[in-house]
Amino acid sequence: MPTAPTGYSRLQIALHWPVFALIAQKYILKDAVSAAWDQVTDGPEAGFDLLVRAHAAGGALAMIFALVRMRRAQG
């Protein structure tokens, strides 16, 4: 039977603060995403918005970091 880990790995510690920063960035950019969504639902075509792209990219990166962290915690 495998033994339980005694603490966090270096990778888990290293990924903790970047994930925190990415989640904070998503909170900061939520108004831009909300405005873009309102634009889409009101009918006019939504244009390119760098803040919305940054919000989406930050979410994808946070998810990748979290998956890497969880995967490394298992093995």
PDB file of N, CA and C in Angstrom:
ATOM      1  N   MET A   1       0.846  -1.175   0.000  1.00  0.00           N
ATOM      2  CA  MET A   1       0.000   0.000   0.000  1.00  0.00           C
ATOM      3  C   MET A   1       0.895   1.244   0.000  1.00  0.00           C
ATOM      4  N   PRO A   2       0.587   2.245  -0.876  1.00  0.00           N
ATOM      5  CA  PRO A   2       1.425   3.438  -0.937  1.00  0.00           C
ATOM      6  C   PRO A   2       1.312   4.255   0.343  1.00  0.00           C
ATOM      7  N   THR A   3       2.394   4.920   0.668  1.00  0.00           N
ATOM      8  CA  THR A   3       2.389   5.761   1.866  1.00  0.00           C
ATOM      9  C   THR A   3       1.834   7.140   1.525  1.00  0.00           C
ATOM     10  N   ALA A   4       1.239   7.764   2.502  1.00  0.00           N
ATOM     11  CA  ALA A   4       0.674   9.105   2.318  1.00  0.00           C
ATOM     12  C   ALA A   4       1.811  10.126   2.256  1.00  0.00           C
ATOM     13  N   PRO A   5       1.678  11.150   1.405  1.00  0.00           N
ATOM     14  CA  PRO A   5       2.732  12.177   1.349  1.00  0.00           C
ATOM     15  C   PRO A   5       2.812  12.934   2.675  1.00  0.00           C
ATOM     16  N   THR A   6       3.998  13.355   3.015  1.00  0.00           N
ATOM     17  CA  THR A   6       4.201  14.077   4.275  1.00  0.00           C
ATOM     18  C   THR A   6       4.121  15.590   4.107  1.00  0.00           C
ATOM     19  N   GLY A   7       4.093  16.064   2.883  1.00  0.00           N
ATOM     20  CA  GLY A   7       4.014  17.502   2.644  1.00  0.00           C
ATOM     21  C   GLY A   7       3.815  17.778   1.164  1.00  0.00           C
ATOM     22  N   TYR A   8       3.862  19.028   0.801  1.00  0.00           N
ATOM     23  CA  TYR A   8       3.700  19.431  -0.592  1.00  0.00           C
ATOM     24  C   TYR A   8       5.029  19.305  -1.335  1.00  0.00           C
ATOM     25  N   SER A   9       4.935  18.946  -2.608  1.00  0.00           N
ATOM     26  CA  SER A   9       6.148  18.850  -3.421  1.00  0.00           C
ATOM     27  C   SER A   9       6.605  20.254  -3.829  1.00  0.00           C
ATOM     28  N   ARG A  10       7.830  20.339  -4.323  1.00  0.00           N
ATOM     29  CA  ARG A  10       8.345  21.634  -4.797  1.00  0.00           C
ATOM     30  C   ARG A  10       7.496  22.169  -5.948  1.00  0.00           C
ATOM     31  N   LEU A  11       7.036  21.270  -6.828  1.00  0.00           N
ATOM     32  CA  LEU A  11       6.197  21.699  -7.945  1.00  0.00           C
ATOM     33  C   LEU A  11       4.876  22.270  -7.445  1.00  0.00           C
ATOM     34  N   GLN A  12       4.262  21.616  -6.476  1.00  0.00           N
ATOM     35  CA  GLN A  12       2.999  22.125  -5.936  1.00  0.00           C
ATOM     36  C   GLN A  12       3.192  23.506  -5.305  1.00  0.00           C
ATOM     37  N   ILE A  13       4.267  23.676  -4.586  1.00  0.00           N
ATOM     38  CA  ILE A  13       4.550  24.970  -3.968  1.00  0.00           C
ATOM     39  C   ILE A  13       4.815  26.028  -5.038  1.00  0.00           C
ATOM     40  N   ALA A  14       5.574  25.648  -6.070  1.00  0.00           N
ATOM     41  CA  ALA A  14       5.906  26.594  -7.147  1.00  0.00           C
ATOM     42  C   ALA A  14       4.671  27.003  -7.940  1.00  0.00           C
ATOM     43  N   LEU A  15       3.688  26.126  -8.076  1.00  0.00           N
ATOM     44  CA  LEU A  15       2.487  26.434  -8.856  1.00  0.00           C
ATOM     45  C   LEU A  15       1.418  27.165  -8.040  1.00  0.00           C
ATOM     46  N   HIS A  16       1.527  27.157  -6.742  1.00  0.00           N
ATOM     47  CA  HIS A  16       0.490  27.749  -5.905  1.00  0.00           C
ATOM     48  C   HIS A  16       0.268  29.235  -6.210  1.00  0.00           C
ATOM     49  N   TRP A  17       1.328  30.038  -6.181  1.00  0.00           N
ATOM     50  CA  TRP A  17       1.166  31.483  -6.347  1.00  0.00           C
ATOM     51  C   TRP A  17       0.839  31.892  -7.782  1.00  0.00           C
ATOM     52  N   PRO A  18       1.388  31.243  -8.806  1.00  0.00           N
ATOM     53  CA  PRO A  18       0.930  31.594 -10.162  1.00  0.00           C
ATOM     54  C   PRO A  18      -0.560  31.305 -10.371  1.00  0.00           C
ATOM     55  N   VAL A  19      -1.044  30.215  -9.821  1.00  0.00           N
ATOM     56  CA  VAL A  19      -2.477  29.917  -9.943  1.00  0.00           C
ATOM     57  C   VAL A  19      -3.288  30.968  -9.189  1.00  0.00           C
ATOM     58  N   PHE A  20      -2.834  31.332  -8.013  1.00  0.00           N
ATOM     59  CA  PHE A  20      -3.511  32.399  -7.261  1.00  0.00           C
ATOM     60  C   PHE A  20      -3.560  33.694  -8.078  1.00  0.00           C
ATOM     61  N   ALA A  21      -2.434  34.061  -8.694  1.00  0.00           N
ATOM     62  CA  ALA A  21      -2.381  35.291  -9.497  1.00  0.00           C
ATOM     63  C   ALA A  21      -3.323  35.223 -10.698  1.00  0.00           C
ATOM     64  N   LEU A  22      -3.396  34.054 -11.333  1.00  0.00           N
ATOM     65  CA  LEU A  22      -4.295  33.904 -12.483  1.00  0.00           C
ATOM     66  C   LEU A  22      -5.757  33.995 -12.060  1.00  0.00           C
ATOM     67  N   ILE A  23      -6.091  33.446 -10.917  1.00  0.00           N
ATOM     68  CA  ILE A  23      -7.475  33.544 -10.429  1.00  0.00           C
ATOM     69  C   ILE A  23      -7.788  34.990 -10.049  1.00  0.00           C
ATOM     70  N   ALA A  24      -6.838  35.693  -9.452  1.00  0.00           N
ATOM     71  CA  ALA A  24      -7.036  37.115  -9.137  1.00  0.00           C
ATOM     72  C   ALA A  24      -7.234  37.922 -10.423  1.00  0.00           C
ATOM     73  N   GLN A  25      -6.465  37.590 -11.461  1.00  0.00           N
ATOM     74  CA  GLN A  25      -6.597  38.270 -12.753  1.00  0.00           C
ATOM     75  C   GLN A  25      -7.994  38.049 -13.326  1.00  0.00           C
ATOM     76  N   LYS A  26      -8.535  36.853 -13.167  1.00  0.00           N
ATOM     77  CA  LYS A  26      -9.880  36.575 -13.664  1.00  0.00           C
ATOM     78  C   LYS A  26     -10.908  37.434 -12.921  1.00  0.00           C
ATOM     79  N   TYR A  27     -10.727  37.605 -11.630  1.00  0.00           N
ATOM     80  CA  TYR A  27     -11.632  38.447 -10.857  1.00  0.00           C
ATOM     81  C   TYR A  27     -11.538  39.900 -11.306  1.00  0.00           C
ATOM     82  N   ILE A  28     -10.322  40.367 -11.547  1.00  0.00           N
ATOM     83  CA  ILE A  28     -10.119  41.762 -11.960  1.00  0.00           C
ATOM     84  C   ILE A  28     -10.736  42.020 -13.333  1.00  0.00           C
ATOM     85  N   LEU A  29     -10.676  41.045 -14.231  1.00  0.00           N
ATOM     86  CA  LEU A  29     -11.170  41.226 -15.596  1.00  0.00           C
ATOM     87  C   LEU A  29     -12.644  40.839 -15.769  1.00  0.00           C
ATOM     88  N   LYS A  30     -13.328  40.509 -14.689  1.00  0.00           N
ATOM     89  CA  LYS A  30     -14.713  40.051 -14.812  1.00  0.00           C
ATOM     90  C   LYS A  30     -15.648  41.106 -15.395  1.00  0.00           C
ATOM     91  N   ASP A  31     -15.376  42.377 -15.157  1.00  0.00           N
ATOM     92  CA  ASP A  31     -16.245  43.428 -15.704  1.00  0.00           C
ATOM     93  C   ASP A  31     -16.142  43.503 -17.227  1.00  0.00           C
ATOM     94  N   ALA A  32     -14.949  43.293 -17.765  1.00  0.00           N
ATOM     95  CA  ALA A  32     -14.784  43.298 -19.222  1.00  0.00           C
ATOM     96  C   ALA A  32     -15.522  42.132 -19.846  1.00  0.00           C
ATOM     97  N   VAL A  33     -15.488  40.979 -19.192  1.00  0.00           N
ATOM     98  CA  VAL A  33     -16.189  39.803 -19.709  1.00  0.00           C
ATOM     99  C   VAL A  33     -17.692  40.023 -19.617  1.00  0.00           C
ATOM    100  N   SER A  34     -18.147  40.586 -18.520  1.00  0.00           N
ATOM    101  CA  SER A  34     -19.575  40.864 -18.359  1.00  0.00           C
ATOM    102  C   SER A  34     -20.070  41.845 -19.422  1.00  0.00           C
ATOM    103  N   ALA A  35     -19.284  42.884 -19.699  1.00  0.00           N
ATOM    104  CA  ALA A  35     -19.661  43.858 -20.732  1.00  0.00           C
ATOM    105  C   ALA A  35     -19.684  43.206 -22.113  1.00  0.00           C
ATOM    106  N   ALA A  36     -18.721  42.348 -22.384  1.00  0.00           N
ATOM    107  CA  ALA A  36     -18.693  41.659 -23.677  1.00  0.00           C
ATOM    108  C   ALA A  36     -19.895  40.742 -23.814  1.00  0.00           C
ATOM    109  N   TRP A  37     -20.261  40.058 -22.738  1.00  0.00           N
ATOM    110  CA  TRP A  37     -21.427  39.166 -22.791  1.00  0.00           C
ATOM    111  C   TRP A  37     -22.702  39.979 -23.012  1.00  0.00           C
ATOM    112  N   ASP A  38     -22.825  41.110 -22.354  1.00  0.00           N
ATOM    113  CA  ASP A  38     -23.982  41.979 -22.566  1.00  0.00           C
ATOM    114  C   ASP A  38     -24.059  42.417 -24.026  1.00  0.00           C
ATOM    115  N   GLN A  39     -22.915  42.704 -24.618  1.00  0.00           N
ATOM    116  CA  GLN A  39     -22.876  43.103 -26.021  1.00  0.00           C
ATOM    117  C   GLN A  39     -23.366  41.968 -26.922  1.00  0.00           C
ATOM    118  N   VAL A  40     -22.960  40.759 -26.617  1.00  0.00           N
ATOM    119  CA  VAL A  40     -23.373  39.606 -27.421  1.00  0.00           C
ATOM    120  C   VAL A  40     -24.872  39.368 -27.287  1.00  0.00           C
ATOM    121  N   THR A  41     -25.392  39.443 -26.072  1.00  0.00           N
ATOM    122  CA  THR A  41     -26.821  39.157 -25.871  1.00  0.00           C
ATOM    123  C   THR A  41     -27.719  40.281 -26.364  1.00  0.00           C
ATOM    124  N   ASP A  42     -27.188  41.502 -26.480  1.00  0.00           N
ATOM    125  CA  ASP A  42     -27.997  42.614 -26.976  1.00  0.00           C
ATOM    126  C   ASP A  42     -28.117  42.622 -28.493  1.00  0.00           C
ATOM    127  N   GLY A  43     -27.342  41.809 -29.167  1.00  0.00           N
ATOM    128  CA  GLY A  43     -27.496  41.687 -30.603  1.00  0.00           C
ATOM    129  C   GLY A  43     -26.353  42.161 -31.465  1.00  0.00           C
ATOM    130  N   PRO A  44     -25.712  43.286 -31.151  1.00  0.00           N
ATOM    131  CA  PRO A  44     -24.646  43.699 -32.057  1.00  0.00           C
ATOM    132  C   PRO A  44     -23.471  42.725 -32.004  1.00  0.00           C
ATOM    133  N   GLU A  45     -22.768  42.679 -33.081  1.00  0.00           N
ATOM    134  CA  GLU A  45     -21.620  41.781 -33.156  1.00  0.00           C
ATOM    135  C   GLU A  45     -20.539  42.259 -32.192  1.00  0.00           C
ATOM    136  N   ALA A  46     -20.030  41.327 -31.416  1.00  0.00           N
ATOM    137  CA  ALA A  46     -18.978  41.669 -30.461  1.00  0.00           C
ATOM    138  C   ALA A  46     -17.638  41.718 -31.175  1.00  0.00           C
ATOM    139  N   GLY A  47     -16.881  42.755 -30.919  1.00  0.00           N
ATOM    140  CA  GLY A  47     -15.570  42.891 -31.529  1.00  0.00           C
ATOM    141  C   GLY A  47     -14.493  42.246 -30.673  1.00  0.00           C
ATOM    142  N   PHE A  48     -13.271  42.339 -31.137  1.00  0.00           N
ATOM    143  CA  PHE A  48     -12.122  41.797 -30.423  1.00  0.00           C
ATOM    144  C   PHE A  48     -11.881  42.612 -29.159  1.00  0.00           C
ATOM    145  N   ASP A  49     -11.714  41.940 -28.059  1.00  0.00           N
ATOM    146  CA  ASP A  49     -11.408  42.615 -26.801  1.00  0.00           C
ATOM    147  C   ASP A  49     -10.255  41.880 -26.131  1.00  0.00           C
ATOM    148  N   LEU A  50      -9.140  42.554 -25.994  1.00  0.00           N
ATOM    149  CA  LEU A  50      -7.943  41.947 -25.421  1.00  0.00           C
ATOM    150  C   LEU A  50      -8.167  41.500 -23.979  1.00  0.00           C
ATOM    151  N   LEU A  51      -8.966  42.247 -23.222  1.00  0.00           N
ATOM    152  CA  LEU A  51      -9.216  41.871 -21.834  1.00  0.00           C
ATOM    153  C   LEU A  51      -9.990  40.564 -21.729  1.00  0.00           C
ATOM    154  N   VAL A  52     -10.923  40.357 -22.648  1.00  0.00           N
ATOM    155  CA  VAL A  52     -11.680  39.101 -22.662  1.00  0.00           C
ATOM    156  C   VAL A  52     -10.755  37.951 -23.033  1.00  0.00           C
ATOM    157  N   ARG A  53      -9.887  38.170 -23.998  1.00  0.00           N
ATOM    158  CA  ARG A  53      -8.918  37.130 -24.379  1.00  0.00           C
ATOM    159  C   ARG A  53      -7.985  36.814 -23.214  1.00  0.00           C
ATOM    160  N   ALA A  54      -7.536  37.844 -22.495  1.00  0.00           N
ATOM    161  CA  ALA A  54      -6.658  37.628 -21.344  1.00  0.00           C
ATOM    162  C   ALA A  54      -7.381  36.850 -20.246  1.00  0.00           C
ATOM    163  N   HIS A  55      -8.669  37.146 -20.046  1.00  0.00           N
ATOM    164  CA  HIS A  55      -9.479  36.431 -19.065  1.00  0.00           C
ATOM    165  C   HIS A  55      -9.568  34.943 -19.437  1.00  0.00           C
ATOM    166  N   ALA A  56      -9.861  34.668 -20.695  1.00  0.00           N
ATOM    167  CA  ALA A  56      -9.986  33.278 -21.146  1.00  0.00           C
ATOM    168  C   ALA A  56      -8.643  32.550 -21.098  1.00  0.00           C
ATOM    169  N   ALA A  57      -7.589  33.209 -21.534  1.00  0.00           N
ATOM    170  CA  ALA A  57      -6.266  32.583 -21.511  1.00  0.00           C
ATOM    171  C   ALA A  57      -5.813  32.324 -20.073  1.00  0.00           C
ATOM    172  N   GLY A  58      -6.086  33.254 -19.182  1.00  0.00           N
ATOM    173  CA  GLY A  58      -5.733  33.061 -17.776  1.00  0.00           C
ATOM    174  C   GLY A  58      -6.475  31.888 -17.159  1.00  0.00           C
ATOM    175  N   GLY A  59      -7.743  31.741 -17.520  1.00  0.00           N
ATOM    176  CA  GLY A  59      -8.516  30.601 -17.015  1.00  0.00           C
ATOM    177  C   GLY A  59      -7.984  29.277 -17.528  1.00  0.00           C
ATOM    178  N   ALA A  60      -7.642  29.243 -18.811  1.00  0.00           N
ATOM    179  CA  ALA A  60      -7.091  28.014 -19.383  1.00  0.00           C
ATOM    180  C   ALA A  60      -5.753  27.672 -18.744  1.00  0.00           C
ATOM    181  N   LEU A  61      -4.918  28.670 -18.543  1.00  0.00           N
ATOM    182  CA  LEU A  61      -3.611  28.435 -17.927  1.00  0.00           C
ATOM    183  C   LEU A  61      -3.756  27.989 -16.471  1.00  0.00           C
ATOM    184  N   ALA A  62      -4.681  28.591 -15.734  1.00  0.00           N
ATOM    185  CA  ALA A  62      -4.912  28.177 -14.343  1.00  0.00           C
ATOM    186  C   ALA A  62      -5.394  26.733 -14.296  1.00  0.00           C
ATOM    187  N   MET A  63      -6.251  26.349 -15.231  1.00  0.00           N
ATOM    188  CA  MET A  63      -6.731  24.972 -15.271  1.00  0.00           C
ATOM    189  C   MET A  63      -5.584  24.003 -15.571  1.00  0.00           C
ATOM    190  N   ILE A  64      -4.728  24.353 -16.521  1.00  0.00           N
ATOM    191  CA  ILE A  64      -3.580  23.503 -16.849  1.00  0.00           C
ATOM    192  C   ILE A  64      -2.670  23.355 -15.636  1.00  0.00           C
ATOM    193  N   PHE A  65      -2.366  24.469 -14.960  1.00  0.00           N
ATOM    194  CA  PHE A  65      -1.523  24.415 -13.768  1.00  0.00           C
ATOM    195  C   PHE A  65      -2.157  23.544 -12.684  1.00  0.00           C
ATOM    196  N   ALA A  66      -3.464  23.699 -12.484  1.00  0.00           N
ATOM    197  CA  ALA A  66      -4.149  22.906 -11.464  1.00  0.00           C
ATOM    198  C   ALA A  66      -4.112  21.417 -11.811  1.00  0.00           C
ATOM    199  N   LEU A  67      -4.315  21.079 -13.086  1.00  0.00           N
ATOM    200  CA  LEU A  67      -4.259  19.676 -13.492  1.00  0.00           C
ATOM    201  C   LEU A  67      -2.860  19.094 -13.303  1.00  0.00           C
ATOM    202  N   VAL A  68      -1.841  19.877 -13.640  1.00  0.00           N
ATOM    203  CA  VAL A  68      -0.459  19.421 -13.430  1.00  0.00           C
ATOM    204  C   VAL A  68      -0.210  19.201 -11.945  1.00  0.00           C
ATOM    205  N   ARG A  69      -0.669  20.129 -11.144  1.00  0.00           N
ATOM    206  CA  ARG A  69      -0.461  20.021  -9.693  1.00  0.00           C
ATOM    207  C   ARG A  69      -1.164  18.796  -9.138  1.00  0.00           C
ATOM    208  N   MET A  70      -2.399  18.548  -9.556  1.00  0.00           N
ATOM    209  CA  MET A  70      -3.141  17.380  -9.059  1.00  0.00           C
ATOM    210  C   MET A  70      -2.504  16.079  -9.543  1.00  0.00           C
ATOM    211  N   ARG A  71      -2.070  16.074 -10.785  1.00  0.00           N
ATOM    212  CA  ARG A  71      -1.447  14.869 -11.343  1.00  0.00           C
ATOM    213  C   ARG A  71      -0.174  14.517 -10.593  1.00  0.00           C
ATOM    214  N   ARG A  72       0.633  15.542 -10.294  1.00  0.00           N
ATOM    215  CA  ARG A  72       1.874  15.305  -9.565  1.00  0.00           C
ATOM    216  C   ARG A  72       1.618  14.897  -8.134  1.00  0.00           C
ATOM    217  N   ALA A  73       0.483  15.318  -7.560  1.00  0.00           N
ATOM    218  CA  ALA A  73       0.156  14.946  -6.182  1.00  0.00           C
ATOM    219  C   ALA A  73      -0.180  13.464  -6.091  1.00  0.00           C
ATOM    220  N   GLN A  74      -0.690  12.897  -7.186  1.00  0.00           N
ATOM    221  CA  GLN A  74      -1.056  11.482  -7.193  1.00  0.00           C
ATOM    222  C   GLN A  74       0.162  10.577  -7.323  1.00  0.00           C
ATOM    223  N   GLY A  75       1.185  11.043  -8.016  1.00  0.00           N
ATOM    224  CA  GLY A  75       2.290  10.137  -8.294  1.00  0.00           C
ATOM    225  C   GLY A  75       3.594  10.617  -7.919  1.00  0.00           C
TER     226      GLY A  75
END
